[in-house]
Amino acid sequence: MVFGLTTLITALSFLSYPRFESWVITYNRSYANLSEYNARHIIYTSNLLKIAKHNSEDHSWTMGVNQFADLTSDEFRRQYAGCYHSRSNRYSYNLESTALPESVNWTAQGVVTPVKNQGQCGSCWAFSTTGSTESAWSISKNESVSLSEQQLVDCSGAEGNQGCNGGLMDYGFQYIINNRGITFEDNYPYTARDGTCNKQKASDIAASITGFKDVPTNSELALMTAIAQQPVSVAVEADQSVFQLYSGGVMTAKCGTNLDHGVLAVGYGTLNNQDYWIVKNSWGEDWGLQGYILLGRGNQYGNAGQCGIQMDPSYPVV
């Protein structure tokens, strides 16, 4: 049997990844029976082959083994995408044109909280809401706070959110305004499931906002201008395998513009002549670049931007 060079490289690369048995221990997986174990082993092996093939080719980003490696693309889509509910009405305002820095990184400036993990709950919108609010508060008050996603999950239904079934960051901002603030993470800890609003805990205010602004849509310049002043809540389409198994580099693959996931844009820059956005996710530090992804930036992605990042940005005002 004769193997091509690409096939040989892929096969050799495949051998460098963790065996399924080791991966199960690392991620503390348990399965109902041997049949399920074997089925997950097959899916894991298929994903490893996909990763090895991708990494043997000439790409500006890499794929890697993470907590999603035993999921099919459809399973990943059902469990971790669809948590962002887009809408038609926006209240965009005109951003003042200013000279922009070549690069911005709010995480490096110490105003972004550590990466969190939403688990198997469609609460991405809540993590994006708290993320931008935490940073806005830190920039304005010089005070670091970690805010409660669970409060938003449990308490912001009247504003239009649906807990673990999805929501919208602007609705989260509106709840914080209506409640006159939001409490600490430690006071109202995350459970990754829907619960009844604890009004007593929700009244113990840690931070507040006076309003929020929708960044002009489909504009790279507008999003850069907004990010230059503070981290911005954004939505992307994240239901593709390039997101599921991303591990590093500037992700330039086509990923669609059907917005289904709320995240936080914390900066922008350039790497090896590739312009990018710095995006904080809510899938834990084991995913991507310690919980972050670099998304390609530039005219080649159209007005919507890579994965639709320029379509629906907004941020809170402290």
C-alpha atoms as a PDB file:
ATOM      1  CA  MET A   1       0.000   0.000   0.000  1.00  0.00           C
ATOM      2  CA  VAL A   2       1.359   3.414  -1.018  1.00  0.00           C
ATOM      3  CA  PHE A   3       0.647   6.481   1.137  1.00  0.00           C
ATOM      4  CA  GLY A   4       0.798  10.078  -0.113  1.00  0.00           C
ATOM      5  CA  LEU A   5       2.950  12.569   1.798  1.00  0.00           C
ATOM      6  CA  THR A   6      -0.101  14.370   3.233  1.00  0.00           C
ATOM      7  CA  THR A   7      -1.622  11.092   4.399  1.00  0.00           C
ATOM      8  CA  LEU A   8       1.650  10.059   6.022  1.00  0.00           C
ATOM      9  CA  ILE A   9       2.041  13.400   7.807  1.00  0.00           C
ATOM     10  CA  THR A  10      -1.545  13.183   9.033  1.00  0.00           C
ATOM     11  CA  ALA A  11      -1.022   9.652  10.303  1.00  0.00           C
ATOM     12  CA  LEU A  12       2.176  10.576  12.141  1.00  0.00           C
ATOM     13  CA  SER A  13       0.542  13.681  13.628  1.00  0.00           C
ATOM     14  CA  PHE A  14      -2.411  11.588  14.771  1.00  0.00           C
ATOM     15  CA  LEU A  15      -0.084   9.479  16.916  1.00  0.00           C
ATOM     16  CA  SER A  16       0.991  12.554  18.905  1.00  0.00           C
ATOM     17  CA  TYR A  17      -2.495  13.212  20.312  1.00  0.00           C
ATOM     18  CA  PRO A  18      -3.820  11.708  23.571  1.00  0.00           C
ATOM     19  CA  ARG A  19      -5.323   8.247  23.492  1.00  0.00           C
ATOM     20  CA  PHE A  20      -9.042   8.179  24.208  1.00  0.00           C
ATOM     21  CA  GLU A  21      -8.486   6.436  27.541  1.00  0.00           C
ATOM     22  CA  SER A  22      -6.214   9.261  28.701  1.00  0.00           C
ATOM     23  CA  TRP A  23      -8.608  11.919  27.413  1.00  0.00           C
ATOM     24  CA  VAL A  24     -11.510  10.360  29.368  1.00  0.00           C
ATOM     25  CA  ILE A  25      -9.476  10.594  32.586  1.00  0.00           C
ATOM     26  CA  THR A  26      -8.282  14.146  31.866  1.00  0.00           C
ATOM     27  CA  TYR A  27     -11.809  15.445  31.312  1.00  0.00           C
ATOM     28  CA  ASN A  28     -13.453  13.231  33.929  1.00  0.00           C
ATOM     29  CA  ARG A  29     -15.866  11.691  31.437  1.00  0.00           C
ATOM     30  CA  SER A  30     -18.229   8.875  32.335  1.00  0.00           C
ATOM     31  CA  TYR A  31     -20.513   6.982  29.994  1.00  0.00           C
ATOM     32  CA  ALA A  32     -23.668   4.994  30.649  1.00  0.00           C
ATOM     33  CA  ASN A  33     -22.372   1.722  29.213  1.00  0.00           C
ATOM     34  CA  LEU A  34     -19.744   0.111  26.993  1.00  0.00           C
ATOM     35  CA  SER A  35     -21.806   0.805  23.884  1.00  0.00           C
ATOM     36  CA  GLU A  36     -21.764   4.543  24.539  1.00  0.00           C
ATOM     37  CA  TYR A  37     -18.068   4.412  25.429  1.00  0.00           C
ATOM     38  CA  ASN A  38     -17.276   2.741  22.091  1.00  0.00           C
ATOM     39  CA  ALA A  39     -19.434   5.216  20.182  1.00  0.00           C
ATOM     40  CA  ARG A  40     -17.637   8.163  21.813  1.00  0.00           C
ATOM     41  CA  HIS A  41     -14.297   6.520  21.072  1.00  0.00           C
ATOM     42  CA  ILE A  42     -15.188   6.421  17.375  1.00  0.00           C
ATOM     43  CA  ILE A  43     -16.250  10.098  17.384  1.00  0.00           C
ATOM     44  CA  TYR A  44     -13.078  11.052  19.248  1.00  0.00           C
ATOM     45  CA  THR A  45     -10.919   9.223  16.714  1.00  0.00           C
ATOM     46  CA  SER A  46     -12.746  10.939  13.848  1.00  0.00           C
ATOM     47  CA  ASN A  47     -12.112  14.341  15.417  1.00  0.00           C
ATOM     48  CA  LEU A  48      -8.451  13.491  15.962  1.00  0.00           C
ATOM     49  CA  LEU A  49      -8.073  12.672  12.287  1.00  0.00           C
ATOM     50  CA  LYS A  50      -9.745  15.995  11.414  1.00  0.00           C
ATOM     51  CA  ILE A  51      -7.381  17.838  13.767  1.00  0.00           C
ATOM     52  CA  ALA A  52      -4.276  16.066  12.475  1.00  0.00           C
ATOM     53  CA  LYS A  53      -5.215  16.684   8.844  1.00  0.00           C
ATOM     54  CA  HIS A  54      -5.901  20.370   9.468  1.00  0.00           C
ATOM     55  CA  ASN A  55      -2.658  20.906  11.374  1.00  0.00           C
ATOM     56  CA  SER A  56      -0.624  19.187   8.629  1.00  0.00           C
ATOM     57  CA  GLU A  57      -1.861  21.776   6.134  1.00  0.00           C
ATOM     58  CA  ASP A  58      -0.959  25.439   5.665  1.00  0.00           C
ATOM     59  CA  HIS A  59      -3.335  27.386   7.895  1.00  0.00           C
ATOM     60  CA  SER A  60      -2.995  30.471  10.079  1.00  0.00           C
ATOM     61  CA  TRP A  61      -4.697  28.700  12.985  1.00  0.00           C
ATOM     62  CA  THR A  62      -4.537  25.317  14.636  1.00  0.00           C
ATOM     63  CA  MET A  63      -7.028  22.791  15.919  1.00  0.00           C
ATOM     64  CA  GLY A  64      -6.542  20.774  19.078  1.00  0.00           C
ATOM     65  CA  VAL A  65      -7.989  18.258  21.509  1.00  0.00           C
ATOM     66  CA  ASN A  66     -10.297  19.835  24.082  1.00  0.00           C
ATOM     67  CA  GLN A  67     -13.415  19.055  26.120  1.00  0.00           C
ATOM     68  CA  PHE A  68     -15.520  18.887  22.932  1.00  0.00           C
ATOM     69  CA  ALA A  69     -13.467  16.156  21.247  1.00  0.00           C
ATOM     70  CA  ASP A  70     -16.031  13.388  21.836  1.00  0.00           C
ATOM     71  CA  LEU A  71     -18.899  15.351  20.252  1.00  0.00           C
ATOM     72  CA  THR A  72     -20.072  15.250  16.659  1.00  0.00           C
ATOM     73  CA  SER A  73     -20.555  18.567  14.883  1.00  0.00           C
ATOM     74  CA  ASP A  74     -24.325  18.250  15.245  1.00  0.00           C
ATOM     75  CA  GLU A  75     -24.084  17.497  18.973  1.00  0.00           C
ATOM     76  CA  PHE A  76     -21.770  20.445  19.507  1.00  0.00           C
ATOM     77  CA  ARG A  77     -24.151  22.709  17.575  1.00  0.00           C
ATOM     78  CA  ARG A  78     -27.157  21.621  19.639  1.00  0.00           C
ATOM     79  CA  GLN A  79     -25.416  21.866  23.008  1.00  0.00           C
ATOM     80  CA  TYR A  80     -23.247  24.967  22.675  1.00  0.00           C
ATOM     81  CA  ALA A  81     -24.691  27.148  19.911  1.00  0.00           C
ATOM     82  CA  GLY A  82     -28.109  28.759  19.672  1.00  0.00           C
ATOM     83  CA  CYS A  83     -27.810  30.594  22.994  1.00  0.00           C
ATOM     84  CA  TYR A  84     -27.948  34.015  21.345  1.00  0.00           C
ATOM     85  CA  HIS A  85     -31.315  35.308  20.115  1.00  0.00           C
ATOM     86  CA  SER A  86     -30.858  38.030  17.499  1.00  0.00           C
ATOM     87  CA  ARG A  87     -33.401  40.792  16.921  1.00  0.00           C
ATOM     88  CA  SER A  88     -34.346  43.314  14.256  1.00  0.00           C
ATOM     89  CA  ASN A  89     -34.617  46.540  16.278  1.00  0.00           C
ATOM     90  CA  ARG A  90     -31.380  48.227  17.287  1.00  0.00           C
ATOM     91  CA  TYR A  91     -30.653  51.679  18.661  1.00  0.00           C
ATOM     92  CA  SER A  92     -27.364  52.522  16.996  1.00  0.00           C
ATOM     93  CA  TYR A  93     -25.649  55.830  17.654  1.00  0.00           C
ATOM     94  CA  ASN A  94     -22.919  57.709  15.849  1.00  0.00           C
ATOM     95  CA  LEU A  95     -19.417  57.110  17.204  1.00  0.00           C
ATOM     96  CA  GLU A  96     -17.042  60.047  17.163  1.00  0.00           C
ATOM     97  CA  SER A  97     -14.158  59.503  14.757  1.00  0.00           C
ATOM     98  CA  THR A  98     -10.880  59.405  16.659  1.00  0.00           C
ATOM     99  CA  ALA A  99      -7.338  58.292  15.966  1.00  0.00           C
ATOM    100  CA  LEU A 100      -7.245  54.593  16.814  1.00  0.00           C
ATOM    101  CA  PRO A 101      -4.291  52.763  18.373  1.00  0.00           C
ATOM    102  CA  GLU A 102      -2.731  50.034  16.218  1.00  0.00           C
ATOM    103  CA  SER A 103      -3.627  47.441  18.819  1.00  0.00           C
ATOM    104  CA  VAL A 104      -5.784  47.102  21.939  1.00  0.00           C
ATOM    105  CA  ASN A 105      -5.755  44.362  24.583  1.00  0.00           C
ATOM    106  CA  TRP A 106      -7.971  45.015  27.608  1.00  0.00           C
ATOM    107  CA  THR A 107      -7.103  41.640  29.136  1.00  0.00           C
ATOM    108  CA  ALA A 108      -3.449  42.653  29.290  1.00  0.00           C
ATOM    109  CA  GLN A 109      -4.538  45.878  30.986  1.00  0.00           C
ATOM    110  CA  GLY A 110      -6.116  43.925  33.818  1.00  0.00           C
ATOM    111  CA  VAL A 111      -9.751  44.960  33.401  1.00  0.00           C
ATOM    112  CA  VAL A 112     -11.132  41.630  32.147  1.00  0.00           C
ATOM    113  CA  THR A 113     -12.138  38.883  34.596  1.00  0.00           C
ATOM    114  CA  PRO A 114     -10.790  35.326  34.187  1.00  0.00           C
ATOM    115  CA  VAL A 115     -12.463  33.073  31.614  1.00  0.00           C
ATOM    116  CA  LYS A 116     -15.604  31.398  32.937  1.00  0.00           C
ATOM    117  CA  ASN A 117     -17.498  28.285  31.804  1.00  0.00           C
ATOM    118  CA  GLN A 118     -21.192  28.281  30.910  1.00  0.00           C
ATOM    119  CA  GLY A 119     -21.366  24.474  30.824  1.00  0.00           C
ATOM    120  CA  GLN A 120     -24.312  22.825  29.050  1.00  0.00           C
ATOM    121  CA  CYS A 121     -26.597  25.803  29.547  1.00  0.00           C
ATOM    122  CA  GLY A 122     -27.423  28.235  26.747  1.00  0.00           C
ATOM    123  CA  SER A 123     -26.403  31.226  28.842  1.00  0.00           C
ATOM    124  CA  CYS A 124     -23.657  32.666  26.633  1.00  0.00           C
ATOM    125  CA  TRP A 125     -25.585  35.950  26.501  1.00  0.00           C
ATOM    126  CA  ALA A 126     -25.350  36.247  30.302  1.00  0.00           C
ATOM    127  CA  PHE A 127     -21.572  35.733  30.295  1.00  0.00           C
ATOM    128  CA  SER A 128     -21.144  38.339  27.562  1.00  0.00           C
ATOM    129  CA  THR A 129     -23.362  40.740  29.536  1.00  0.00           C
ATOM    130  CA  THR A 130     -21.407  40.326  32.764  1.00  0.00           C
ATOM    131  CA  GLY A 131     -18.097  40.411  30.896  1.00  0.00           C
ATOM    132  CA  SER A 132     -18.635  43.822  29.345  1.00  0.00           C
ATOM    133  CA  THR A 133     -20.220  45.165  32.551  1.00  0.00           C
ATOM    134  CA  GLU A 134     -17.313  43.928  34.698  1.00  0.00           C
ATOM    135  CA  SER A 135     -14.824  45.646  32.411  1.00  0.00           C
ATOM    136  CA  ALA A 136     -16.818  48.880  32.133  1.00  0.00           C
ATOM    137  CA  TRP A 137     -17.042  49.029  35.942  1.00  0.00           C
ATOM    138  CA  SER A 138     -13.328  48.296  36.327  1.00  0.00           C
ATOM    139  CA  ILE A 139     -12.344  50.994  33.828  1.00  0.00           C
ATOM    140  CA  SER A 140     -14.688  53.583  35.332  1.00  0.00           C
ATOM    141  CA  LYS A 141     -14.289  52.816  39.054  1.00  0.00           C
ATOM    142  CA  ASN A 142     -10.838  51.195  39.148  1.00  0.00           C
ATOM    143  CA  GLU A 143     -12.475  48.313  41.008  1.00  0.00           C
ATOM    144  CA  SER A 144     -12.422  44.673  39.880  1.00  0.00           C
ATOM    145  CA  VAL A 145     -15.696  42.760  40.253  1.00  0.00           C
ATOM    146  CA  SER A 146     -16.900  39.340  39.133  1.00  0.00           C
ATOM    147  CA  LEU A 147     -20.634  39.550  38.501  1.00  0.00           C
ATOM    148  CA  SER A 148     -23.410  36.958  38.635  1.00  0.00           C
ATOM    149  CA  GLU A 149     -24.473  35.239  35.418  1.00  0.00           C
ATOM    150  CA  GLN A 150     -26.939  33.145  37.418  1.00  0.00           C
ATOM    151  CA  GLN A 151     -28.812  36.273  38.492  1.00  0.00           C
ATOM    152  CA  LEU A 152     -29.323  37.138  34.828  1.00  0.00           C
ATOM    153  CA  VAL A 153     -30.357  33.558  34.009  1.00  0.00           C
ATOM    154  CA  ASP A 154     -32.901  33.439  36.830  1.00  0.00           C
ATOM    155  CA  CYS A 155     -34.180  37.002  36.959  1.00  0.00           C
ATOM    156  CA  SER A 156     -34.211  38.693  33.522  1.00  0.00           C
ATOM    157  CA  GLY A 157     -37.145  36.882  31.902  1.00  0.00           C
ATOM    158  CA  ALA A 158     -39.313  39.997  31.994  1.00  0.00           C
ATOM    159  CA  GLU A 159     -36.762  41.769  29.813  1.00  0.00           C
ATOM    160  CA  GLY A 160     -36.964  39.020  27.180  1.00  0.00           C
ATOM    161  CA  ASN A 161     -34.257  36.514  28.116  1.00  0.00           C
ATOM    162  CA  GLN A 162     -34.959  32.782  28.346  1.00  0.00           C
ATOM    163  CA  GLY A 163     -32.319  31.555  30.782  1.00  0.00           C
ATOM    164  CA  CYS A 164     -30.557  28.417  29.540  1.00  0.00           C
ATOM    165  CA  ASN A 165     -32.625  28.586  26.353  1.00  0.00           C
ATOM    166  CA  GLY A 166     -30.894  31.722  25.159  1.00  0.00           C
ATOM    167  CA  GLY A 167     -31.102  35.470  25.339  1.00  0.00           C
ATOM    168  CA  LEU A 168     -29.668  38.796  24.287  1.00  0.00           C
ATOM    169  CA  MET A 169     -27.011  40.964  25.881  1.00  0.00           C
ATOM    170  CA  ASP A 170     -29.053  44.153  25.493  1.00  0.00           C
ATOM    171  CA  TYR A 171     -31.864  42.501  27.452  1.00  0.00           C
ATOM    172  CA  GLY A 172     -29.303  41.639  30.114  1.00  0.00           C
ATOM    173  CA  PHE A 173     -28.176  45.275  30.241  1.00  0.00           C
ATOM    174  CA  GLN A 174     -31.794  46.386  30.512  1.00  0.00           C
ATOM    175  CA  TYR A 175     -32.353  44.052  33.467  1.00  0.00           C
ATOM    176  CA  ILE A 176     -29.311  45.486  35.265  1.00  0.00           C
ATOM    177  CA  ILE A 177     -30.727  48.982  34.724  1.00  0.00           C
ATOM    178  CA  ASN A 178     -34.208  47.967  35.896  1.00  0.00           C
ATOM    179  CA  ASN A 179     -32.777  46.201  38.973  1.00  0.00           C
ATOM    180  CA  ARG A 180     -30.512  49.178  39.719  1.00  0.00           C
ATOM    181  CA  GLY A 181     -27.521  46.851  39.501  1.00  0.00           C
ATOM    182  CA  ILE A 182     -26.243  43.288  39.642  1.00  0.00           C
ATOM    183  CA  THR A 183     -24.697  41.293  42.474  1.00  0.00           C
ATOM    184  CA  PHE A 184     -21.385  39.503  42.952  1.00  0.00           C
ATOM    185  CA  GLU A 185     -20.690  36.093  41.428  1.00  0.00           C
ATOM    186  CA  ASP A 186     -19.900  34.687  44.886  1.00  0.00           C
ATOM    187  CA  ASN A 187     -23.198  35.933  46.294  1.00  0.00           C
ATOM    188  CA  TYR A 188     -25.326  34.390  43.523  1.00  0.00           C
ATOM    189  CA  PRO A 189     -23.126  31.544  42.146  1.00  0.00           C
ATOM    190  CA  TYR A 190     -23.551  29.905  38.777  1.00  0.00           C
ATOM    191  CA  THR A 191     -25.369  26.539  38.579  1.00  0.00           C
ATOM    192  CA  ALA A 192     -25.598  26.040  34.781  1.00  0.00           C
ATOM    193  CA  ARG A 193     -29.368  25.501  34.998  1.00  0.00           C
ATOM    194  CA  ASP A 194     -32.518  27.590  35.206  1.00  0.00           C
ATOM    195  CA  GLY A 195     -33.654  28.592  38.679  1.00  0.00           C
ATOM    196  CA  THR A 196     -36.099  30.813  40.524  1.00  0.00           C
ATOM    197  CA  CYS A 197     -34.984  34.406  40.982  1.00  0.00           C
ATOM    198  CA  ASN A 198     -33.587  35.020  44.456  1.00  0.00           C
ATOM    199  CA  LYS A 199     -34.675  38.626  44.906  1.00  0.00           C
ATOM    200  CA  GLN A 200     -32.853  39.000  48.208  1.00  0.00           C
ATOM    201  CA  LYS A 201     -29.509  38.080  46.648  1.00  0.00           C
ATOM    202  CA  ALA A 202     -30.331  40.103  43.543  1.00  0.00           C
ATOM    203  CA  SER A 203     -30.769  43.227  45.676  1.00  0.00           C
ATOM    204  CA  ASP A 204     -27.198  43.059  47.020  1.00  0.00           C
ATOM    205  CA  ILE A 205     -25.668  45.326  44.394  1.00  0.00           C
ATOM    206  CA  ALA A 206     -22.024  44.997  43.354  1.00  0.00           C
ATOM    207  CA  ALA A 207     -22.070  47.148  40.199  1.00  0.00           C
ATOM    208  CA  SER A 208     -24.537  49.182  38.192  1.00  0.00           C
ATOM    209  CA  ILE A 209     -24.883  50.803  34.772  1.00  0.00           C
ATOM    210  CA  THR A 210     -26.729  53.897  33.574  1.00  0.00           C
ATOM    211  CA  GLY A 211     -27.450  52.619  30.076  1.00  0.00           C
ATOM    212  CA  PHE A 212     -26.089  50.773  27.058  1.00  0.00           C
ATOM    213  CA  LYS A 213     -25.254  51.590  23.458  1.00  0.00           C
ATOM    214  CA  ASP A 214     -25.604  49.630  20.234  1.00  0.00           C
ATOM    215  CA  VAL A 215     -22.527  50.072  18.062  1.00  0.00           C
ATOM    216  CA  PRO A 216     -23.286  50.900  14.400  1.00  0.00           C
ATOM    217  CA  THR A 217     -23.694  47.571  12.649  1.00  0.00           C
ATOM    218  CA  ASN A 218     -21.573  46.013   9.904  1.00  0.00           C
ATOM    219  CA  SER A 219     -18.643  48.394  10.387  1.00  0.00           C
ATOM    220  CA  GLU A 220     -15.096  47.365  11.225  1.00  0.00           C
ATOM    221  CA  LEU A 221     -14.193  50.978  12.030  1.00  0.00           C
ATOM    222  CA  ALA A 222     -17.158  51.380  14.393  1.00  0.00           C
ATOM    223  CA  LEU A 223     -16.310  48.185  16.286  1.00  0.00           C
ATOM    224  CA  MET A 224     -12.628  49.116  16.542  1.00  0.00           C
ATOM    225  CA  THR A 225     -13.607  52.579  17.820  1.00  0.00           C
ATOM    226  CA  ALA A 226     -15.877  51.057  20.468  1.00  0.00           C
ATOM    227  CA  ILE A 227     -13.301  48.474  21.571  1.00  0.00           C
ATOM    228  CA  ALA A 228     -10.669  51.211  21.876  1.00  0.00           C
ATOM    229  CA  GLN A 229     -12.717  52.645  24.750  1.00  0.00           C
ATOM    230  CA  GLN A 230     -13.836  49.392  26.447  1.00  0.00           C
ATOM    231  CA  PRO A 231     -14.599  45.672  25.860  1.00  0.00           C
ATOM    232  CA  VAL A 232     -17.714  45.139  23.753  1.00  0.00           C
ATOM    233  CA  SER A 233     -20.385  42.442  23.798  1.00  0.00           C
ATOM    234  CA  VAL A 234     -20.638  40.832  20.358  1.00  0.00           C
ATOM    235  CA  ALA A 235     -22.363  37.879  18.735  1.00  0.00           C
ATOM    236  CA  VAL A 236     -20.875  35.363  16.289  1.00  0.00           C
ATOM    237  CA  GLU A 237     -21.796  32.160  14.508  1.00  0.00           C
ATOM    238  CA  ALA A 238     -19.925  29.507  16.496  1.00  0.00           C
ATOM    239  CA  ASP A 239     -21.556  26.259  15.400  1.00  0.00           C
ATOM    240  CA  GLN A 240     -18.773  25.095  13.063  1.00  0.00           C
ATOM    241  CA  SER A 241     -15.982  22.588  13.735  1.00  0.00           C
ATOM    242  CA  VAL A 242     -13.443  25.412  13.337  1.00  0.00           C
ATOM    243  CA  PHE A 243     -14.871  26.830  16.577  1.00  0.00           C
ATOM    244  CA  GLN A 244     -15.398  23.469  18.263  1.00  0.00           C
ATOM    245  CA  LEU A 245     -11.757  22.391  17.930  1.00  0.00           C
ATOM    246  CA  TYR A 246      -9.938  25.738  17.641  1.00  0.00           C
ATOM    247  CA  SER A 247      -6.684  25.865  19.614  1.00  0.00           C
ATOM    248  CA  GLY A 248      -4.642  28.869  18.415  1.00  0.00           C
ATOM    249  CA  GLY A 249      -3.668  31.334  15.707  1.00  0.00           C
ATOM    250  CA  VAL A 250      -5.823  33.721  13.679  1.00  0.00           C
ATOM    251  CA  MET A 251      -8.959  31.858  12.629  1.00  0.00           C
ATOM    252  CA  THR A 252      -9.754  32.788   9.025  1.00  0.00           C
ATOM    253  CA  ALA A 253     -12.050  29.953   7.920  1.00  0.00           C
ATOM    254  CA  LYS A 254     -15.569  30.679   6.701  1.00  0.00           C
ATOM    255  CA  CYS A 255     -17.864  30.319   9.684  1.00  0.00           C
ATOM    256  CA  GLY A 256     -21.128  31.966   8.627  1.00  0.00           C
ATOM    257  CA  THR A 257     -23.144  34.937   9.857  1.00  0.00           C
ATOM    258  CA  ASN A 258     -26.134  33.232  11.497  1.00  0.00           C
ATOM    259  CA  LEU A 259     -25.490  34.665  14.951  1.00  0.00           C
ATOM    260  CA  ASP A 260     -25.889  32.021  17.655  1.00  0.00           C
ATOM    261  CA  HIS A 261     -23.322  32.768  20.378  1.00  0.00           C
ATOM    262  CA  GLY A 262     -22.650  35.780  22.606  1.00  0.00           C
ATOM    263  CA  VAL A 263     -18.996  36.536  23.442  1.00  0.00           C
ATOM    264  CA  LEU A 264     -16.807  39.493  24.430  1.00  0.00           C
ATOM    265  CA  ALA A 265     -14.488  41.430  22.114  1.00  0.00           C
ATOM    266  CA  VAL A 266     -11.588  42.643  24.270  1.00  0.00           C
ATOM    267  CA  GLY A 267      -9.142  43.947  21.685  1.00  0.00           C
ATOM    268  CA  TYR A 268      -7.642  43.829  18.231  1.00  0.00           C
ATOM    269  CA  GLY A 269      -4.203  43.578  16.665  1.00  0.00           C
ATOM    270  CA  THR A 270      -2.048  41.978  13.983  1.00  0.00           C
ATOM    271  CA  LEU A 271      -0.092  38.706  13.932  1.00  0.00           C
ATOM    272  CA  ASN A 272       2.144  37.683  10.996  1.00  0.00           C
ATOM    273  CA  ASN A 273       0.405  40.270   8.793  1.00  0.00           C
ATOM    274  CA  GLN A 274      -3.014  38.877   9.793  1.00  0.00           C
ATOM    275  CA  ASP A 275      -5.324  41.428  11.426  1.00  0.00           C
ATOM    276  CA  TYR A 276      -7.497  39.973  14.186  1.00  0.00           C
ATOM    277  CA  TRP A 277     -10.063  40.558  16.904  1.00  0.00           C
ATOM    278  CA  ILE A 278      -9.354  39.246  20.426  1.00  0.00           C
ATOM    279  CA  VAL A 279     -12.469  37.457  21.667  1.00  0.00           C
ATOM    280  CA  LYS A 280     -13.104  36.068  25.145  1.00  0.00           C
ATOM    281  CA  ASN A 281     -15.354  32.987  25.170  1.00  0.00           C
ATOM    282  CA  SER A 282     -17.269  31.267  27.995  1.00  0.00           C
ATOM    283  CA  TRP A 283     -16.264  27.626  27.410  1.00  0.00           C
ATOM    284  CA  GLY A 284     -13.534  27.471  30.053  1.00  0.00           C
ATOM    285  CA  GLU A 285      -9.762  27.883  29.803  1.00  0.00           C
ATOM    286  CA  ASP A 286      -9.249  24.440  28.217  1.00  0.00           C
ATOM    287  CA  TRP A 287     -10.758  25.730  24.982  1.00  0.00           C
ATOM    288  CA  GLY A 288      -8.801  27.774  22.430  1.00  0.00           C
ATOM    289  CA  LEU A 289      -6.079  30.131  23.629  1.00  0.00           C
ATOM    290  CA  GLN A 290      -6.797  29.682  27.338  1.00  0.00           C
ATOM    291  CA  GLY A 291     -10.423  30.500  26.647  1.00  0.00           C
ATOM    292  CA  TYR A 292      -9.853  33.092  23.893  1.00  0.00           C
ATOM    293  CA  ILE A 293      -9.964  33.064  20.098  1.00  0.00           C
ATOM    294  CA  LEU A 294      -8.331  35.370  17.552  1.00  0.00           C
ATOM    295  CA  LEU A 295     -10.825  36.021  14.748  1.00  0.00           C
ATOM    296  CA  GLY A 296      -9.667  37.346  11.400  1.00  0.00           C
ATOM    297  CA  ARG A 297     -10.314  41.051  10.777  1.00  0.00           C
ATOM    298  CA  GLY A 298     -10.443  42.953   7.497  1.00  0.00           C
ATOM    299  CA  ASN A 299     -12.391  43.773   4.332  1.00  0.00           C
ATOM    300  CA  GLN A 300     -12.105  40.200   3.068  1.00  0.00           C
ATOM    301  CA  TYR A 301     -14.776  39.132   5.578  1.00  0.00           C
ATOM    302  CA  GLY A 302     -17.359  41.588   4.256  1.00  0.00           C
ATOM    303  CA  ASN A 303     -19.403  44.123   6.189  1.00  0.00           C
ATOM    304  CA  ALA A 304     -20.561  41.515   8.714  1.00  0.00           C
ATOM    305  CA  GLY A 305     -16.995  40.653   9.704  1.00  0.00           C
ATOM    306  CA  GLN A 306     -15.570  37.227  10.489  1.00  0.00           C
ATOM    307  CA  CYS A 307     -18.323  34.953  11.877  1.00  0.00           C
ATOM    308  CA  GLY A 308     -20.642  37.993  11.903  1.00  0.00           C
ATOM    309  CA  ILE A 309     -18.759  39.766  14.703  1.00  0.00           C
ATOM    310  CA  GLN A 310     -19.606  43.248  13.319  1.00  0.00           C
ATOM    311  CA  MET A 311     -23.343  42.612  13.052  1.00  0.00           C
ATOM    312  CA  ASP A 312     -24.650  43.206  16.583  1.00  0.00           C
ATOM    313  CA  PRO A 313     -22.127  44.786  18.993  1.00  0.00           C
ATOM    314  CA  SER A 314     -23.163  46.688  22.119  1.00  0.00           C
ATOM    315  CA  TYR A 315     -21.713  47.799  25.435  1.00  0.00           C
ATOM    316  CA  PRO A 316     -22.897  49.103  28.813  1.00  0.00           C
ATOM    317  CA  VAL A 317     -22.371  52.623  30.118  1.00  0.00           C
ATOM    318  CA  VAL A 318     -21.362  53.075  33.764  1.00  0.00           C
END
